[in-house]
Amino acid sequence: MQPSKTWQRSTSCCKLWTGHIALSVCYKLLERAIWHRTSPTVEDLLSVDQAGFCRGRSICDQVTALAAFVENGFEKTLKTGAVFLELLLRNRRFRVYMGDDVSSWRRQANDLPHDSVLAPTWFNLYTNDLPVTHSRRFIYADDICCALQAETSSEIECTLTADLVRLAKYCQLWRLKPTTSKCFPPVHV
């Protein structure tokens, strides 16, 4: 099989991409190999509240569990309150080492790579020690729902507020930032 004439004429522009594509493919192969070796151990360490990027658990499981939680509360004539938030890493810094040369510190501007298999798994490990809350947690990757049932709305509000204070201290300590554009105020059902 020979390259087409169009390909032969445009090889000069492809030379710029070759190294990047090869590095990307090599990195993805290495990442998959590491993930296959470490994922069984990592999944055993993760909290049962976490369903993101875990074998045998999905977002559908979390939504179904939350719906069942609300229904059970309704049957017991309890009010249900919930807070939804998303966590992102913030203020991450890095530097590059090449032989004896070291770059200056740089600030990471973007989020986790979306085509990565290791980044979500490592994020799950990074956030695996979320503080204990009085509310029930439904977690899928970086999305967290804290839900609580009680007889009064004020009891729900006080407890969810205390849980959010705990989570805020945790986020500050570990440089996580709840995304305000995707956070919702408490929802009472």
Protein backbone atom coordinates (compact mmCIF):
# COMPACT_ATOMS: atom_id res chain seq x y z
CA MET A 1 0.00 0.00 0.00
CA GLN A 2 1.42 3.36 -1.00
CA PRO A 3 0.44 6.79 0.26
CA SER A 4 -1.71 8.87 -2.07
CA LYS A 5 -0.22 11.72 -4.07
CA THR A 6 -2.00 14.20 -1.82
CA TRP A 7 -0.29 12.61 1.19
CA GLN A 8 3.10 12.69 -0.52
CA ARG A 9 2.73 16.40 -1.32
CA SER A 10 1.65 17.30 2.23
CA THR A 11 4.27 15.34 4.17
CA SER A 12 6.07 18.50 5.24
CA CYS A 13 3.15 19.61 7.41
CA CYS A 14 2.79 16.12 8.92
CA LYS A 15 6.36 16.15 10.21
CA LEU A 16 5.22 18.61 12.84
CA TRP A 17 2.62 16.16 14.17
CA THR A 18 4.57 12.91 14.13
CA GLY A 19 6.37 13.34 17.46
CA HIS A 20 3.24 14.56 19.23
CA ILE A 21 1.12 11.67 17.95
CA ALA A 22 3.80 9.08 18.81
CA LEU A 23 4.22 10.54 22.30
CA SER A 24 0.48 10.60 22.81
CA VAL A 25 0.07 6.97 21.70
CA CYS A 26 3.04 5.83 23.81
CA TYR A 27 1.69 7.70 26.81
CA LYS A 28 -1.77 6.23 26.37
CA LEU A 29 -0.35 2.70 26.09
CA LEU A 30 1.75 3.19 29.22
CA GLU A 31 -1.20 4.72 31.04
CA ARG A 32 -3.43 1.76 30.15
CA ALA A 33 -0.77 -0.72 31.29
CA ILE A 34 -0.41 1.07 34.64
CA TRP A 35 -4.19 1.30 35.01
CA HIS A 36 -4.69 -2.42 34.33
CA ARG A 37 -2.06 -3.30 36.93
CA THR A 38 -3.31 -0.91 39.65
CA SER A 39 -7.10 -0.67 39.18
CA PRO A 40 -8.05 -3.87 41.09
CA THR A 41 -6.12 -2.66 44.15
CA VAL A 42 -7.37 0.90 43.85
CA GLU A 43 -11.02 -0.12 43.56
CA ASP A 44 -10.74 -2.15 46.76
CA LEU A 45 -9.53 0.99 48.56
CA LEU A 46 -12.32 3.30 47.37
CA SER A 47 -15.29 4.26 49.51
CA VAL A 48 -18.57 2.48 48.78
CA ASP A 49 -20.07 5.97 48.27
CA GLN A 50 -17.93 6.45 45.14
CA ALA A 51 -19.32 5.09 41.88
CA GLY A 52 -17.32 7.08 39.32
CA PHE A 53 -14.96 5.14 37.08
CA CYS A 54 -15.40 1.96 39.15
CA ARG A 55 -16.18 -1.45 37.71
CA GLY A 56 -19.73 -2.59 38.36
CA ARG A 57 -20.88 0.87 39.51
CA SER A 58 -22.39 3.63 37.42
CA ILE A 59 -24.14 6.97 37.52
CA CYS A 60 -27.42 5.10 37.00
CA ASP A 61 -26.79 3.21 40.25
CA GLN A 62 -26.29 6.48 42.12
CA VAL A 63 -29.39 8.12 40.62
CA THR A 64 -31.47 5.02 41.42
CA ALA A 65 -30.10 4.92 45.00
CA LEU A 66 -30.89 8.63 45.48
CA ALA A 67 -34.42 8.16 44.09
CA ALA A 68 -34.99 5.18 46.41
CA PHE A 69 -33.66 7.24 49.34
CA VAL A 70 -36.17 10.02 48.59
CA GLU A 71 -39.04 7.53 48.11
CA ASN A 72 -38.28 5.77 51.41
CA GLY A 73 -38.31 9.11 53.21
CA PHE A 74 -41.58 10.04 51.56
CA GLU A 75 -43.16 6.77 52.73
CA LYS A 76 -42.00 7.53 56.28
CA THR A 77 -43.43 11.09 55.96
CA LEU A 78 -39.95 12.58 56.30
CA LYS A 79 -38.69 15.62 54.42
CA THR A 80 -35.63 15.15 52.26
CA GLY A 81 -33.02 17.83 51.63
CA ALA A 82 -30.07 17.56 49.27
CA VAL A 83 -27.06 19.61 48.22
CA PHE A 84 -25.27 18.94 44.95
CA LEU A 85 -21.70 20.03 44.29
CA GLU A 86 -18.79 19.35 42.00
CA LEU A 87 -15.17 19.40 43.12
CA LEU A 88 -12.24 20.53 41.00
CA LEU A 89 -8.55 20.67 41.72
CA ARG A 90 -7.23 24.21 42.03
CA ASN A 91 -3.89 25.98 42.40
CA ARG A 92 -1.94 23.01 41.09
CA ARG A 93 1.70 23.69 40.29
CA PHE A 94 4.23 21.68 38.35
CA ARG A 95 7.77 21.82 37.03
CA VAL A 96 9.57 19.78 34.40
CA TYR A 97 12.86 17.94 34.94
CA MET A 98 15.01 17.06 31.91
CA GLY A 99 18.38 15.68 32.93
CA ASP A 100 20.00 18.32 35.14
CA ASP A 101 17.72 21.11 33.90
CA VAL A 102 14.65 22.13 35.89
CA SER A 103 11.97 24.52 34.71
CA SER A 104 10.44 27.19 36.90
CA TRP A 105 7.20 26.44 38.71
CA ARG A 106 4.11 26.79 36.48
CA ARG A 107 0.46 26.87 37.42
CA GLN A 108 -1.76 24.15 35.93
CA ALA A 109 -4.62 25.99 34.24
CA ASN A 110 -6.80 23.17 32.95
CA ASP A 111 -8.83 20.40 34.55
CA LEU A 112 -8.09 16.67 34.53
CA PRO A 113 -7.42 15.28 31.03
CA HIS A 114 -10.69 14.02 29.60
CA ASP A 115 -9.18 11.19 27.55
CA SER A 116 -7.15 9.82 30.44
CA VAL A 117 -7.88 6.58 32.26
CA LEU A 118 -5.49 7.20 35.16
CA ALA A 119 -6.49 10.77 36.03
CA PRO A 120 -10.07 9.92 37.12
CA THR A 121 -8.85 6.92 39.11
CA TRP A 122 -6.20 9.00 40.87
CA PHE A 123 -8.76 11.75 41.51
CA ASN A 124 -10.98 9.14 43.17
CA LEU A 125 -8.03 8.15 45.38
CA TYR A 126 -7.21 11.78 46.09
CA THR A 127 -10.75 12.45 47.33
CA ASN A 128 -11.30 9.05 48.93
CA ASP A 129 -10.86 10.43 52.44
CA LEU A 130 -13.76 12.89 52.31
CA PRO A 131 -14.81 13.75 55.86
CA VAL A 132 -17.61 11.82 57.52
CA THR A 133 -20.94 13.61 57.14
CA HIS A 134 -24.26 13.24 58.93
CA SER A 135 -25.98 13.23 55.55
CA ARG A 136 -25.86 10.32 53.15
CA ARG A 137 -23.43 10.82 50.28
CA PHE A 138 -23.97 9.82 46.69
CA ILE A 139 -20.69 10.33 44.81
CA TYR A 140 -19.94 9.91 41.13
CA ALA A 141 -16.36 10.95 40.31
CA ASP A 142 -16.20 14.64 41.25
CA ASP A 143 -19.97 15.11 41.68
CA ILE A 144 -21.26 14.82 45.24
CA CYS A 145 -24.80 14.80 46.55
CA CYS A 146 -25.31 15.07 50.31
CA ALA A 147 -28.88 14.09 51.16
CA LEU A 148 -30.62 14.01 54.53
CA GLN A 149 -34.05 13.12 55.84
CA ALA A 150 -35.68 14.67 58.89
CA GLU A 151 -39.04 15.81 60.19
CA THR A 152 -38.34 19.53 59.82
CA SER A 153 -36.70 21.68 57.17
CA SER A 154 -34.69 23.56 59.81
CA GLU A 155 -33.14 20.31 61.04
CA ILE A 156 -32.18 19.44 57.46
CA GLU A 157 -30.75 22.91 56.86
CA CYS A 158 -28.65 22.89 60.05
CA THR A 159 -27.24 19.42 59.39
CA LEU A 160 -26.50 20.05 55.70
CA THR A 161 -24.83 23.36 56.61
CA ALA A 162 -22.61 21.61 59.15
CA ASP A 163 -21.73 18.96 56.55
CA LEU A 164 -20.88 21.65 53.99
CA VAL A 165 -18.62 23.39 56.52
CA ARG A 166 -16.79 20.07 57.03
CA LEU A 167 -16.48 19.59 53.28
CA ALA A 168 -15.30 23.21 52.81
CA LYS A 169 -12.47 22.71 55.33
CA TYR A 170 -11.48 19.51 53.54
CA CYS A 171 -11.56 21.29 50.16
CA GLN A 172 -9.40 24.12 51.45
CA LEU A 173 -6.87 21.70 52.95
CA TRP A 174 -6.54 19.61 49.78
CA ARG A 175 -6.85 22.46 47.26
CA LEU A 176 -10.19 21.41 45.88
CA LYS A 177 -12.68 23.97 44.71
CA PRO A 178 -16.43 23.40 44.54
CA THR A 179 -17.55 24.69 41.16
CA THR A 180 -20.13 27.35 41.87
CA SER A 181 -21.61 27.20 38.37
CA LYS A 182 -22.57 23.57 38.93
CA CYS A 183 -23.52 23.72 42.62
CA PHE A 184 -27.14 23.98 43.61
CA PRO A 185 -28.65 25.35 46.80
CA PRO A 186 -30.32 22.85 49.13
CA VAL A 187 -33.28 21.14 47.54
CA HIS A 188 -36.13 20.10 49.81
CA VAL A 189 -38.54 17.40 48.70
